[in-house]
N, C-alpha and C. Protein backbone atom coordinates (compact mmCIF):
# COMPACT_ATOMS: atom_id res chain seq x y z
N MET A 1 -8.47 27.54 -25.26
CA MET A 1 -9.11 27.04 -24.06
C MET A 1 -9.45 28.21 -23.14
N SER A 2 -10.48 28.01 -22.37
CA SER A 2 -10.92 29.09 -21.49
C SER A 2 -10.21 29.00 -20.13
N ALA A 3 -10.29 30.10 -19.40
CA ALA A 3 -9.68 30.14 -18.07
C ALA A 3 -10.38 29.19 -17.12
N ALA A 4 -11.67 28.96 -17.33
CA ALA A 4 -12.42 28.05 -16.46
C ALA A 4 -11.86 26.63 -16.55
N TRP A 5 -11.44 26.23 -17.74
CA TRP A 5 -10.87 24.89 -17.92
C TRP A 5 -9.60 24.74 -17.09
N GLY A 6 -8.78 25.76 -17.03
CA GLY A 6 -7.58 25.74 -16.21
C GLY A 6 -7.88 25.59 -14.74
N HIS A 7 -8.94 26.23 -14.28
CA HIS A 7 -9.34 26.10 -12.88
C HIS A 7 -9.84 24.69 -12.58
N VAL A 8 -10.60 24.11 -13.51
CA VAL A 8 -11.10 22.75 -13.32
C VAL A 8 -9.94 21.77 -13.23
N VAL A 9 -8.98 21.91 -14.12
CA VAL A 9 -7.81 21.02 -14.11
C VAL A 9 -7.03 21.20 -12.80
N GLY A 10 -6.88 22.43 -12.35
CA GLY A 10 -6.18 22.69 -11.09
C GLY A 10 -6.88 22.07 -9.90
N ILE A 11 -8.20 22.12 -9.87
CA ILE A 11 -8.96 21.52 -8.77
C ILE A 11 -8.84 20.00 -8.80
N VAL A 12 -8.89 19.42 -9.99
CA VAL A 12 -8.76 17.96 -10.11
C VAL A 12 -7.38 17.52 -9.63
N ILE A 13 -6.34 18.23 -10.02
CA ILE A 13 -4.99 17.88 -9.57
C ILE A 13 -4.87 18.02 -8.07
N LEU A 14 -5.44 19.07 -7.51
CA LEU A 14 -5.41 19.27 -6.06
C LEU A 14 -6.13 18.12 -5.34
N LEU A 15 -7.28 17.70 -5.84
CA LEU A 15 -8.00 16.58 -5.23
C LEU A 15 -7.21 15.29 -5.32
N MET A 16 -6.53 15.07 -6.44
CA MET A 16 -5.71 13.88 -6.59
C MET A 16 -4.54 13.89 -5.61
N MET A 17 -3.91 15.03 -5.44
CA MET A 17 -2.80 15.15 -4.49
C MET A 17 -3.27 14.92 -3.06
N LEU A 18 -4.41 15.49 -2.69
CA LEU A 18 -4.95 15.30 -1.35
C LEU A 18 -5.33 13.84 -1.11
N SER A 19 -5.87 13.18 -2.12
CA SER A 19 -6.19 11.76 -1.99
C SER A 19 -4.94 10.94 -1.77
N PHE A 20 -3.90 11.21 -2.52
CA PHE A 20 -2.63 10.49 -2.37
C PHE A 20 -2.07 10.69 -0.98
N ILE A 21 -2.03 11.93 -0.51
CA ILE A 21 -1.49 12.22 0.82
C ILE A 21 -2.35 11.56 1.89
N GLY A 22 -3.66 11.57 1.73
CA GLY A 22 -4.55 10.93 2.70
C GLY A 22 -4.33 9.43 2.78
N ILE A 23 -4.17 8.77 1.64
CA ILE A 23 -3.91 7.33 1.63
C ILE A 23 -2.56 7.04 2.26
N TRP A 24 -1.57 7.87 1.97
CA TRP A 24 -0.24 7.68 2.53
C TRP A 24 -0.27 7.80 4.05
N ILE A 25 -0.97 8.80 4.57
CA ILE A 25 -1.09 8.97 6.02
C ILE A 25 -1.84 7.79 6.62
N TRP A 26 -2.93 7.36 5.99
CA TRP A 26 -3.71 6.24 6.49
C TRP A 26 -2.85 4.98 6.59
N ALA A 27 -2.01 4.74 5.58
CA ALA A 27 -1.17 3.54 5.58
C ALA A 27 -0.14 3.56 6.70
N TRP A 28 0.30 4.73 7.13
CA TRP A 28 1.32 4.84 8.16
C TRP A 28 0.75 4.98 9.57
N LEU A 29 -0.56 4.85 9.74
CA LEU A 29 -1.14 4.92 11.07
C LEU A 29 -0.66 3.73 11.90
N PRO A 30 -0.40 3.94 13.18
CA PRO A 30 0.19 2.88 14.01
C PRO A 30 -0.63 1.59 14.11
N PHE A 31 -1.94 1.67 14.03
CA PHE A 31 -2.71 0.44 14.20
C PHE A 31 -2.63 -0.50 13.00
N HIS A 32 -1.98 -0.09 11.91
CA HIS A 32 -1.78 -0.97 10.75
C HIS A 32 -0.50 -1.78 10.87
N LYS A 33 0.37 -1.47 11.83
CA LYS A 33 1.68 -2.10 11.93
C LYS A 33 1.58 -3.61 12.09
N LYS A 34 0.68 -4.08 12.93
CA LYS A 34 0.56 -5.52 13.17
C LYS A 34 0.19 -6.25 11.87
N ASN A 35 -0.75 -5.72 11.12
CA ASN A 35 -1.15 -6.35 9.86
C ASN A 35 -0.03 -6.33 8.84
N PHE A 36 0.66 -5.19 8.72
CA PHE A 36 1.74 -5.09 7.74
C PHE A 36 2.90 -6.00 8.10
N ASP A 37 3.20 -6.15 9.40
CA ASP A 37 4.25 -7.07 9.81
C ASP A 37 3.89 -8.51 9.46
N ALA A 38 2.64 -8.88 9.67
CA ALA A 38 2.20 -10.23 9.32
C ALA A 38 2.28 -10.45 7.81
N LEU A 39 1.89 -9.47 7.04
CA LEU A 39 1.97 -9.59 5.58
C LEU A 39 3.42 -9.66 5.10
N ALA A 40 4.32 -8.97 5.79
CA ALA A 40 5.73 -8.99 5.40
C ALA A 40 6.36 -10.36 5.64
N ARG A 41 5.83 -11.12 6.61
CA ARG A 41 6.37 -12.44 6.91
C ARG A 41 5.81 -13.53 6.01
N LEU A 42 4.79 -13.26 5.24
CA LEU A 42 4.16 -14.29 4.41
C LEU A 42 5.12 -14.98 3.43
N PRO A 43 5.95 -14.26 2.69
CA PRO A 43 6.82 -14.97 1.74
C PRO A 43 7.76 -15.96 2.42
N ALA A 44 8.33 -15.61 3.55
CA ALA A 44 9.23 -16.51 4.24
C ALA A 44 8.46 -17.72 4.78
N ARG A 45 7.27 -17.50 5.30
CA ARG A 45 6.49 -18.60 5.84
C ARG A 45 6.07 -19.56 4.73
N ASP A 46 5.70 -19.03 3.57
CA ASP A 46 5.30 -19.89 2.46
C ASP A 46 6.49 -20.71 1.96
N ASP A 47 7.70 -20.13 1.90
CA ASP A 47 8.88 -20.86 1.47
C ASP A 47 9.21 -21.98 2.45
N THR A 48 9.08 -21.70 3.73
CA THR A 48 9.35 -22.73 4.74
C THR A 48 8.34 -23.87 4.63
N ARG A 49 7.09 -23.55 4.45
CA ARG A 49 6.05 -24.57 4.31
C ARG A 49 6.29 -25.42 3.05
N ALA A 50 6.68 -24.79 1.96
CA ALA A 50 6.93 -25.52 0.71
C ALA A 50 8.13 -26.45 0.88
N ALA A 51 9.17 -25.97 1.60
CA ALA A 51 10.35 -26.81 1.81
C ALA A 51 10.00 -28.00 2.71
N LEU A 52 9.14 -27.77 3.70
CA LEU A 52 8.73 -28.88 4.57
C LEU A 52 7.93 -29.91 3.78
N ASP A 53 7.08 -29.45 2.89
CA ASP A 53 6.28 -30.36 2.08
C ASP A 53 7.17 -31.21 1.16
N GLU A 54 8.27 -30.64 0.69
CA GLU A 54 9.18 -31.37 -0.19
C GLU A 54 10.19 -32.20 0.59
N GLY A 55 10.22 -32.06 1.89
CA GLY A 55 11.15 -32.82 2.71
C GLY A 55 12.53 -32.19 2.78
N GLY A 56 12.64 -30.92 2.41
CA GLY A 56 13.94 -30.25 2.41
C GLY A 56 14.39 -29.85 3.80
N LEU A 57 13.47 -29.55 4.69
CA LEU A 57 13.83 -29.15 6.05
C LEU A 57 13.33 -30.20 7.01
N GLN A 58 14.04 -30.38 8.07
CA GLN A 58 13.67 -31.37 9.08
C GLN A 58 13.05 -30.71 10.27
């Protein structure tokens, strides 16, 4: 293999790492907190609704 191939692979890996870090930073931005909190409550809310439909909770 040529040295140029090693440089191409290195650049691709660097771009993949930067993309991962960028997505990670984007996910932790403060304005996403409200949406993530609402999404975290979905399983509990769905269980409560299902129990109400079955008559399990009053």
